[in-house]
Amino acid sequence: MPAEDGGVFSVELIPDAELDRAVREDWDRLLGADLPSSGRNPAPSNRPHVTLAVRERLEPAAFAGLAGLLPVPLELGGIVLLGHRDRYVLARHVVVSSQLLAVHRAVAEIAGRPEPRYSTTAVDRWTPHITLARGLTAVRLATALRLIRAPHIVGEATGARVWDAESRTVTTLA
């Protein structure tokens, strides 16, 4: 798939089945309370993931070597909140390890310098996480925090992909 202008591409790590299940259980709790949830999107491509890089242009084939870096240990710690104006993103914090940082650095070097809008995926600016919900007001955030379990869990990232947001397609890397 050739790189395209005007699109948005993300390179993502895919967690193993146990980590996936734990995140989906929290997605379902949020859905059950009629709160925003990343589980609301029914598309088969919607799944828990750790975003390594976001760029307006990239060549998915350039990341084929990422498969050789997997599996990488992946540990879900507590909760992280990312603010955006008066709305919040609720996410599971992914504990930083030297192996995870090495994978991120390799991907960031291939992807090149991010556009300013995606600078939080640059080396030394990245906060690894798995999103539970976006667009939460402070009141809904308080409710969500009471509902989710967010257990500490250790597993692995066993897969990798490139998501093309414009065409809504996935290129599986591993």
Protein backbone atom coordinates (compact mmCIF):
# COMPACT_ATOMS: atom_id res chain seq x y z
CA MET A 1 0.00 0.00 0.00
CA PRO A 2 1.64 3.27 -1.02
CA ALA A 3 1.94 6.21 1.29
CA GLU A 4 -0.79 8.74 0.75
CA ASP A 5 -1.08 12.48 1.26
CA GLY A 6 -3.71 13.85 3.59
CA GLY A 7 -4.31 10.63 5.51
CA VAL A 8 -3.56 9.63 9.05
CA PHE A 9 -1.72 6.42 9.77
CA SER A 10 -0.89 4.84 13.09
CA VAL A 11 1.51 2.05 13.92
CA GLU A 12 0.11 -0.05 16.75
CA LEU A 13 1.03 -2.93 19.04
CA ILE A 14 -1.66 -5.54 19.65
CA PRO A 15 -1.84 -7.15 23.11
CA ASP A 16 -2.23 -10.84 23.78
CA ALA A 17 -5.65 -12.40 24.43
CA GLU A 18 -5.57 -11.94 28.23
CA LEU A 19 -4.74 -8.23 28.05
CA ASP A 20 -7.28 -7.77 25.25
CA ARG A 21 -9.97 -9.42 27.38
CA ALA A 22 -9.20 -7.27 30.44
CA VAL A 23 -9.49 -4.05 28.40
CA ARG A 24 -12.68 -5.19 26.66
CA GLU A 25 -14.25 -5.96 30.03
CA ASP A 26 -13.71 -2.33 31.06
CA TRP A 27 -15.04 -1.17 27.67
CA ASP A 28 -18.17 -3.24 28.33
CA ARG A 29 -18.64 -1.80 31.82
CA LEU A 30 -18.60 1.70 30.36
CA LEU A 31 -21.02 0.70 27.62
CA GLY A 32 -23.34 -0.85 30.22
CA ALA A 33 -23.53 2.51 31.97
CA ASP A 34 -24.16 4.33 28.67
CA LEU A 35 -20.83 6.14 28.93
CA PRO A 36 -18.36 6.82 26.14
CA SER A 37 -16.33 3.69 25.47
CA SER A 38 -13.78 2.60 22.90
CA GLY A 39 -15.89 -0.54 22.67
CA ARG A 40 -18.75 1.39 21.10
CA ASN A 41 -17.29 1.00 17.60
CA PRO A 42 -18.47 -2.38 16.24
CA ALA A 43 -15.92 -2.57 13.40
CA PRO A 44 -13.79 -5.74 13.45
CA SER A 45 -10.69 -3.53 13.23
CA ASN A 46 -11.56 -1.86 16.55
CA ARG A 47 -9.50 -3.54 19.21
CA PRO A 48 -7.30 -2.67 22.17
CA HIS A 49 -3.90 -1.43 21.03
CA VAL A 50 -0.90 0.68 22.01
CA THR A 51 -0.20 3.42 19.47
CA LEU A 52 3.52 3.73 18.73
CA ALA A 53 3.43 6.42 16.04
CA VAL A 54 0.91 8.60 14.21
CA ARG A 55 1.87 10.29 10.97
CA GLU A 56 0.10 11.89 8.03
CA ARG A 57 2.23 9.88 5.63
CA LEU A 58 4.05 6.60 5.95
CA GLU A 59 4.71 3.41 4.07
CA PRO A 60 3.28 0.40 5.94
CA ALA A 61 5.74 -1.99 4.30
CA ALA A 62 8.60 -0.08 5.95
CA PHE A 63 7.50 -1.56 9.28
CA ALA A 64 7.61 -5.22 8.26
CA GLY A 65 10.70 -5.72 10.46
CA LEU A 66 8.61 -4.93 13.53
CA ALA A 67 7.50 -8.58 13.59
CA GLY A 68 11.06 -9.56 14.53
CA LEU A 69 10.87 -7.45 17.70
CA LEU A 70 7.81 -9.30 19.01
CA PRO A 71 6.65 -10.47 21.39
CA VAL A 72 7.47 -7.66 23.78
CA PRO A 73 6.40 -7.64 27.45
CA LEU A 74 3.36 -5.45 28.02
CA GLU A 75 2.22 -4.51 31.51
CA LEU A 76 -0.99 -2.64 32.24
CA GLY A 77 -0.70 -0.57 35.39
CA GLY A 78 -3.23 1.93 36.63
CA ILE A 79 -5.25 4.64 34.97
CA VAL A 80 -3.99 7.60 33.02
CA LEU A 81 -6.05 10.67 32.15
CA LEU A 82 -5.27 12.74 29.11
CA GLY A 83 -6.97 16.12 28.97
CA HIS A 84 -8.26 17.95 25.96
CA ARG A 85 -10.05 21.20 26.73
CA ASP A 86 -13.00 20.26 28.98
CA ARG A 87 -13.06 16.59 27.93
CA TYR A 88 -10.91 13.70 29.05
CA VAL A 89 -9.48 10.54 27.59
CA LEU A 90 -9.53 7.68 30.08
CA ALA A 91 -6.87 5.06 29.42
CA ARG A 92 -4.92 2.20 30.92
CA HIS A 93 -1.33 3.14 31.59
CA VAL A 94 1.20 0.85 29.93
CA VAL A 95 4.25 0.49 32.15
CA VAL A 96 7.40 1.61 30.38
CA SER A 97 10.09 -1.05 29.97
CA SER A 98 13.40 -0.95 28.13
CA GLN A 99 12.04 -3.45 25.58
CA LEU A 100 8.94 -1.38 24.92
CA LEU A 101 11.01 1.78 24.55
CA ALA A 102 13.31 0.00 22.09
CA VAL A 103 10.32 -0.99 19.94
CA HIS A 104 8.93 2.56 20.11
CA ARG A 105 12.29 4.05 19.16
CA ALA A 106 12.65 1.68 16.19
CA VAL A 107 9.17 2.58 14.93
CA ALA A 108 9.70 6.32 15.48
CA GLU A 109 12.96 6.23 13.52
CA ILE A 110 11.28 4.52 10.57
CA ALA A 111 8.24 6.81 10.73
CA GLY A 112 10.34 9.96 10.83
CA ARG A 113 9.65 13.17 12.65
CA PRO A 114 5.96 13.57 13.53
CA GLU A 115 3.88 16.48 12.39
CA PRO A 116 3.31 18.92 15.31
CA ARG A 117 -0.19 17.62 15.91
CA TYR A 118 1.22 14.10 16.55
CA SER A 119 4.31 15.16 18.48
CA THR A 120 3.23 13.16 21.54
CA THR A 121 4.28 10.00 19.65
CA ALA A 122 7.86 11.24 19.22
CA VAL A 123 10.79 9.69 21.04
CA ASP A 124 11.00 11.08 24.60
CA ARG A 125 7.44 12.50 24.39
CA TRP A 126 5.41 9.28 24.21
CA THR A 127 2.98 8.11 26.90
CA PRO A 128 2.13 4.46 26.21
CA HIS A 129 -1.51 3.66 26.95
CA ILE A 130 -4.58 1.74 25.81
CA THR A 131 -7.65 3.96 25.48
CA LEU A 132 -10.81 3.05 27.36
CA ALA A 133 -12.95 6.11 26.51
CA ARG A 134 -12.73 9.53 24.88
CA GLY A 135 -14.72 12.70 25.34
CA LEU A 136 -15.63 12.25 28.99
CA THR A 137 -16.83 15.28 30.92
CA ALA A 138 -15.64 15.60 34.52
CA VAL A 139 -18.95 14.23 35.82
CA ARG A 140 -18.94 11.25 33.46
CA LEU A 141 -15.27 10.66 34.21
CA ALA A 142 -16.08 10.32 37.92
CA THR A 143 -18.74 7.72 37.10
CA ALA A 144 -16.40 5.86 34.77
CA LEU A 145 -13.67 5.70 37.39
CA ARG A 146 -16.10 4.02 39.81
CA LEU A 147 -17.05 1.40 37.20
CA ILE A 148 -13.84 0.23 35.65
CA ARG A 149 -11.71 -2.43 37.31
CA ALA A 150 -8.36 -1.78 35.61
CA PRO A 151 -6.54 -4.75 37.14
CA HIS A 152 -2.75 -4.78 37.12
CA ILE A 153 -1.92 -7.36 34.50
CA VAL A 154 1.23 -8.55 32.77
CA GLY A 155 1.26 -10.03 29.30
CA GLU A 156 2.79 -9.40 25.91
CA ALA A 157 2.27 -7.46 22.74
CA THR A 158 2.05 -10.28 20.24
CA GLY A 159 0.98 -8.40 17.14
CA ALA A 160 1.52 -5.19 15.24
CA ARG A 161 -0.39 -3.34 12.56
CA VAL A 162 -0.71 -0.10 10.64
CA TRP A 163 -4.13 1.56 10.77
CA ASP A 164 -5.10 3.81 7.85
CA ALA A 165 -7.78 6.09 9.31
CA GLU A 166 -8.82 7.51 5.96
CA SER A 167 -9.53 4.20 4.24
CA ARG A 168 -10.33 2.48 7.56
CA THR A 169 -8.08 -0.44 6.71
CA VAL A 170 -5.48 -2.42 8.61
CA THR A 171 -2.15 -3.71 7.37
CA THR A 172 -1.12 -6.57 9.64
CA LEU A 173 2.61 -6.58 10.37
CA ALA A 174 2.79 -9.47 12.85
